[in-house]
Amino acid sequence: MKPIEVFKALSNDARLQILQWLKDPEAHFTPHEGVDMRETGVCVSQITKKLNMTQSTASQYLSMLQRAGLIKTVRIGKFTYYTRDEDAIRQIADYLREEL
């Protein structure tokens, strides 16, 4: 993980909001039938709707978070689901504590 990429990804209110929602997905989203949001994640369409943006813009935000290593994806059929990468988030928190 490159800290500069993480900081770039975190420099946008909508991307920060996505990470906050994904921290407690049950509080912010309705699950797809048969999908455990804690384990599998939240569908891109749900995130797009909650952001009130086009799917293209939401996908760009999610891609930036993924490139920074902050979220993980799982593809099931035609749906892509997103979860936080808690290990990566802990690593960046440790980096901030130790280096700054």
N, C-alpha and C. Protein backbone atom coordinates (compact mmCIF):
# COMPACT_ATOMS: atom_id res chain seq x y z
N MET A 1 0.84 -1.18 0.00
CA MET A 1 0.00 0.00 0.00
C MET A 1 0.89 1.24 0.00
N LYS A 2 0.59 2.17 -0.90
CA LYS A 2 1.31 3.43 -0.97
C LYS A 2 0.51 4.49 -0.23
N PRO A 3 1.08 5.06 0.84
CA PRO A 3 0.33 6.05 1.61
C PRO A 3 -0.21 7.21 0.76
N ILE A 4 0.55 7.66 -0.22
CA ILE A 4 0.08 8.79 -1.03
C ILE A 4 -1.21 8.44 -1.77
N GLU A 5 -1.32 7.19 -2.25
CA GLU A 5 -2.54 6.76 -2.94
C GLU A 5 -3.71 6.70 -1.96
N VAL A 6 -3.44 6.27 -0.74
CA VAL A 6 -4.49 6.23 0.28
C VAL A 6 -4.97 7.64 0.58
N PHE A 7 -4.03 8.57 0.76
CA PHE A 7 -4.42 9.94 1.10
C PHE A 7 -5.19 10.59 -0.04
N LYS A 8 -4.82 10.30 -1.27
CA LYS A 8 -5.58 10.81 -2.42
C LYS A 8 -7.00 10.27 -2.39
N ALA A 9 -7.13 8.98 -2.13
CA ALA A 9 -8.46 8.36 -2.09
C ALA A 9 -9.31 8.94 -0.97
N LEU A 10 -8.67 9.29 0.14
CA LEU A 10 -9.41 9.82 1.29
C LEU A 10 -9.69 11.32 1.20
N SER A 11 -9.22 11.95 0.14
CA SER A 11 -9.35 13.41 0.02
C SER A 11 -10.67 13.85 -0.60
N ASN A 12 -11.67 12.98 -0.61
CA ASN A 12 -12.96 13.29 -1.22
C ASN A 12 -14.06 12.89 -0.25
N ASP A 13 -15.01 13.79 -0.02
CA ASP A 13 -16.08 13.52 0.94
C ASP A 13 -16.89 12.28 0.59
N ALA A 14 -17.19 12.09 -0.68
CA ALA A 14 -18.00 10.94 -1.09
C ALA A 14 -17.26 9.63 -0.84
N ARG A 15 -15.97 9.59 -1.13
CA ARG A 15 -15.19 8.36 -0.88
C ARG A 15 -15.09 8.08 0.62
N LEU A 16 -14.92 9.12 1.41
CA LEU A 16 -14.93 8.94 2.87
C LEU A 16 -16.28 8.40 3.34
N GLN A 17 -17.34 8.94 2.75
CA GLN A 17 -18.69 8.49 3.11
C GLN A 17 -18.88 7.01 2.78
N ILE A 18 -18.40 6.59 1.63
CA ILE A 18 -18.50 5.18 1.26
C ILE A 18 -17.82 4.30 2.31
N LEU A 19 -16.62 4.68 2.72
CA LEU A 19 -15.91 3.90 3.74
C LEU A 19 -16.68 3.86 5.06
N GLN A 20 -17.29 4.98 5.43
CA GLN A 20 -18.08 5.02 6.65
C GLN A 20 -19.30 4.11 6.54
N TRP A 21 -19.99 4.16 5.41
CA TRP A 21 -21.15 3.28 5.22
C TRP A 21 -20.75 1.82 5.26
N LEU A 22 -19.63 1.49 4.63
CA LEU A 22 -19.20 0.09 4.57
C LEU A 22 -18.72 -0.43 5.92
N LYS A 23 -18.42 0.48 6.83
CA LYS A 23 -18.02 0.05 8.18
C LYS A 23 -19.17 -0.64 8.89
N ASP A 24 -20.39 -0.19 8.65
CA ASP A 24 -21.59 -0.77 9.25
C ASP A 24 -22.66 -0.87 8.17
N PRO A 25 -22.51 -1.81 7.24
CA PRO A 25 -23.41 -1.85 6.09
C PRO A 25 -24.88 -2.10 6.44
N GLU A 26 -25.15 -2.88 7.49
CA GLU A 26 -26.54 -3.14 7.86
C GLU A 26 -27.29 -1.87 8.26
N ALA A 27 -26.58 -0.90 8.78
CA ALA A 27 -27.20 0.35 9.20
C ALA A 27 -27.51 1.27 8.02
N HIS A 28 -26.88 1.01 6.87
CA HIS A 28 -26.99 1.95 5.76
C HIS A 28 -27.59 1.37 4.47
N PHE A 29 -27.64 0.04 4.36
CA PHE A 29 -28.10 -0.57 3.13
C PHE A 29 -29.05 -1.73 3.42
N THR A 30 -29.88 -2.03 2.42
CA THR A 30 -30.73 -3.20 2.46
C THR A 30 -30.01 -4.31 1.70
N PRO A 31 -29.84 -5.48 2.31
CA PRO A 31 -29.06 -6.53 1.63
C PRO A 31 -29.81 -7.11 0.44
N HIS A 32 -29.03 -7.58 -0.53
CA HIS A 32 -29.61 -8.38 -1.61
C HIS A 32 -30.01 -9.71 -0.99
N GLU A 33 -31.03 -10.34 -1.54
CA GLU A 33 -31.52 -11.60 -1.02
C GLU A 33 -30.39 -12.64 -0.99
N GLY A 34 -30.20 -13.24 0.16
CA GLY A 34 -29.20 -14.30 0.30
C GLY A 34 -27.77 -13.81 0.41
N VAL A 35 -27.55 -12.52 0.56
CA VAL A 35 -26.19 -11.97 0.63
C VAL A 35 -25.93 -11.43 2.03
N ASP A 36 -24.87 -11.91 2.65
CA ASP A 36 -24.42 -11.40 3.94
C ASP A 36 -23.53 -10.19 3.68
N MET A 37 -24.02 -9.00 3.98
CA MET A 37 -23.27 -7.78 3.67
C MET A 37 -21.95 -7.69 4.41
N ARG A 38 -21.87 -8.23 5.61
CA ARG A 38 -20.60 -8.18 6.36
C ARG A 38 -19.54 -9.03 5.67
N GLU A 39 -19.96 -10.15 5.11
CA GLU A 39 -19.01 -11.08 4.50
C GLU A 39 -18.81 -10.79 3.01
N THR A 40 -19.89 -10.62 2.27
CA THR A 40 -19.81 -10.46 0.81
C THR A 40 -19.67 -9.01 0.40
N GLY A 41 -20.38 -8.13 1.08
CA GLY A 41 -20.28 -6.72 0.77
C GLY A 41 -21.59 -6.11 0.30
N VAL A 42 -21.48 -4.89 -0.17
CA VAL A 42 -22.62 -4.11 -0.62
C VAL A 42 -22.52 -3.95 -2.14
N CYS A 43 -23.64 -4.12 -2.81
CA CYS A 43 -23.69 -4.04 -4.27
C CYS A 43 -23.44 -2.61 -4.74
N VAL A 44 -22.73 -2.50 -5.84
CA VAL A 44 -22.42 -1.18 -6.41
C VAL A 44 -23.68 -0.38 -6.68
N SER A 45 -24.76 -1.04 -7.08
CA SER A 45 -26.00 -0.30 -7.37
C SER A 45 -26.56 0.35 -6.11
N GLN A 46 -26.41 -0.30 -4.96
CA GLN A 46 -26.88 0.29 -3.71
C GLN A 46 -26.04 1.51 -3.32
N ILE A 47 -24.74 1.41 -3.52
CA ILE A 47 -23.85 2.53 -3.21
C ILE A 47 -24.15 3.69 -4.14
N THR A 48 -24.34 3.40 -5.42
CA THR A 48 -24.66 4.44 -6.40
C THR A 48 -25.93 5.18 -6.01
N LYS A 49 -26.94 4.42 -5.65
CA LYS A 49 -28.23 5.03 -5.27
C LYS A 49 -28.08 5.91 -4.03
N LYS A 50 -27.35 5.42 -3.03
CA LYS A 50 -27.18 6.17 -1.79
C LYS A 50 -26.36 7.44 -2.01
N LEU A 51 -25.39 7.38 -2.93
CA LEU A 51 -24.59 8.56 -3.25
C LEU A 51 -25.37 9.58 -4.08
N ASN A 52 -26.44 9.12 -4.72
CA ASN A 52 -27.24 9.96 -5.62
C ASN A 52 -26.36 10.50 -6.76
N MET A 53 -25.62 9.58 -7.37
CA MET A 53 -24.70 9.90 -8.47
C MET A 53 -24.95 8.92 -9.61
N THR A 54 -24.30 9.18 -10.72
CA THR A 54 -24.34 8.21 -11.80
C THR A 54 -23.50 7.00 -11.42
N GLN A 55 -23.81 5.86 -12.03
CA GLN A 55 -23.02 4.67 -11.74
C GLN A 55 -21.58 4.86 -12.18
N SER A 56 -21.37 5.61 -13.25
CA SER A 56 -20.01 5.86 -13.74
C SER A 56 -19.17 6.59 -12.68
N THR A 57 -19.73 7.62 -12.08
CA THR A 57 -19.00 8.39 -11.06
C THR A 57 -18.76 7.53 -9.82
N ALA A 58 -19.81 6.83 -9.37
CA ALA A 58 -19.65 5.97 -8.20
C ALA A 58 -18.60 4.90 -8.46
N SER A 59 -18.60 4.32 -9.64
CA SER A 59 -17.61 3.30 -9.98
C SER A 59 -16.20 3.86 -9.98
N GLN A 60 -16.04 5.09 -10.44
CA GLN A 60 -14.72 5.72 -10.40
C GLN A 60 -14.26 5.90 -8.95
N TYR A 61 -15.16 6.32 -8.08
CA TYR A 61 -14.81 6.49 -6.67
C TYR A 61 -14.43 5.15 -6.05
N LEU A 62 -15.21 4.11 -6.35
CA LEU A 62 -14.93 2.79 -5.80
C LEU A 62 -13.61 2.25 -6.35
N SER A 63 -13.34 2.50 -7.61
CA SER A 63 -12.06 2.05 -8.20
C SER A 63 -10.88 2.72 -7.52
N MET A 64 -11.01 3.99 -7.21
CA MET A 64 -9.91 4.70 -6.54
C MET A 64 -9.68 4.12 -5.14
N LEU A 65 -10.76 3.82 -4.43
CA LEU A 65 -10.63 3.20 -3.11
C LEU A 65 -10.01 1.80 -3.21
N GLN A 66 -10.36 1.09 -4.26
CA GLN A 66 -9.80 -0.25 -4.46
C GLN A 66 -8.32 -0.17 -4.81
N ARG A 67 -7.94 0.74 -5.70
CA ARG A 67 -6.53 0.90 -6.07
C ARG A 67 -5.69 1.29 -4.85
N ALA A 68 -6.28 2.06 -3.95
CA ALA A 68 -5.58 2.47 -2.73
C ALA A 68 -5.50 1.32 -1.72
N GLY A 69 -6.23 0.25 -1.99
CA GLY A 69 -6.20 -0.92 -1.11
C GLY A 69 -7.14 -0.84 0.07
N LEU A 70 -8.09 0.09 0.04
CA LEU A 70 -8.97 0.30 1.18
C LEU A 70 -10.24 -0.55 1.13
N ILE A 71 -10.60 -1.02 -0.06
CA ILE A 71 -11.78 -1.88 -0.20
C ILE A 71 -11.43 -3.09 -1.06
N LYS A 72 -12.25 -4.13 -0.89
CA LYS A 72 -12.11 -5.36 -1.67
C LYS A 72 -13.41 -5.59 -2.44
N THR A 73 -13.30 -6.32 -3.53
CA THR A 73 -14.49 -6.62 -4.34
C THR A 73 -14.69 -8.12 -4.48
N VAL A 74 -15.97 -8.47 -4.64
CA VAL A 74 -16.37 -9.83 -4.95
C VAL A 74 -17.41 -9.72 -6.05
N ARG A 75 -17.24 -10.51 -7.09
CA ARG A 75 -18.21 -10.52 -8.18
C ARG A 75 -19.05 -11.79 -8.08
N ILE A 76 -20.37 -11.62 -8.04
CA ILE A 76 -21.30 -12.74 -8.01
C ILE A 76 -22.32 -12.49 -9.11
N GLY A 77 -22.24 -13.31 -10.14
CA GLY A 77 -23.13 -13.13 -11.29
C GLY A 77 -22.86 -11.79 -11.93
N LYS A 78 -23.90 -11.01 -12.10
CA LYS A 78 -23.74 -9.69 -12.72
C LYS A 78 -23.51 -8.57 -11.71
N PHE A 79 -23.41 -8.92 -10.44
CA PHE A 79 -23.25 -7.91 -9.39
C PHE A 79 -21.83 -7.89 -8.83
N THR A 80 -21.34 -6.70 -8.51
CA THR A 80 -20.07 -6.53 -7.82
C THR A 80 -20.37 -5.98 -6.43
N TYR A 81 -19.77 -6.61 -5.43
CA TYR A 81 -19.98 -6.24 -4.04
C TYR A 81 -18.68 -5.71 -3.44
N TYR A 82 -18.81 -4.74 -2.55
CA TYR A 82 -17.65 -4.06 -1.96
C TYR A 82 -17.68 -4.17 -0.45
N THR A 83 -16.49 -4.46 0.12
CA THR A 83 -16.30 -4.45 1.57
C THR A 83 -15.03 -3.67 1.88
N ARG A 84 -14.95 -3.19 3.10
CA ARG A 84 -13.72 -2.53 3.55
C ARG A 84 -12.63 -3.57 3.74
N ASP A 85 -11.40 -3.17 3.50
CA ASP A 85 -10.25 -4.02 3.81
C ASP A 85 -9.73 -3.55 5.16
N GLU A 86 -10.22 -4.18 6.21
CA GLU A 86 -9.91 -3.73 7.58
C GLU A 86 -8.41 -3.83 7.89
N ASP A 87 -7.74 -4.83 7.34
CA ASP A 87 -6.29 -4.94 7.56
C ASP A 87 -5.56 -3.74 6.97
N ALA A 88 -5.94 -3.34 5.77
CA ALA A 88 -5.30 -2.19 5.11
C ALA A 88 -5.60 -0.91 5.88
N ILE A 89 -6.80 -0.78 6.38
CA ILE A 89 -7.17 0.42 7.14
C ILE A 89 -6.37 0.48 8.44
N ARG A 90 -6.18 -0.68 9.08
CA ARG A 90 -5.34 -0.72 10.29
C ARG A 90 -3.90 -0.35 9.96
N GLN A 91 -3.40 -0.82 8.82
CA GLN A 91 -2.02 -0.50 8.43
C GLN A 91 -1.84 1.00 8.23
N ILE A 92 -2.80 1.65 7.59
CA ILE A 92 -2.65 3.09 7.36
C ILE A 92 -2.78 3.84 8.69
N ALA A 93 -3.63 3.36 9.60
CA ALA A 93 -3.74 3.98 10.93
C ALA A 93 -2.42 3.82 11.69
N ASP A 94 -1.81 2.64 11.59
CA ASP A 94 -0.51 2.43 12.24
C ASP A 94 0.55 3.34 11.62
N TYR A 95 0.53 3.47 10.32
CA TYR A 95 1.48 4.35 9.63
C TYR A 95 1.35 5.79 10.14
N LEU A 96 0.13 6.26 10.29
CA LEU A 96 -0.09 7.62 10.78
C LEU A 96 0.44 7.78 12.21
N ARG A 97 0.17 6.79 13.05
CA ARG A 97 0.65 6.85 14.44
C ARG A 97 2.17 6.84 14.52
N GLU A 98 2.79 6.00 13.70
CA GLU A 98 4.23 5.81 13.81
C GLU A 98 5.06 6.85 13.04
N GLU A 99 4.56 7.27 11.92
CA GLU A 99 5.37 8.12 11.03
C GLU A 99 5.08 9.60 11.13
N LEU A 100 3.89 9.96 11.57
CA LEU A 100 3.55 11.38 11.58
C LEU A 100 3.41 11.94 12.98
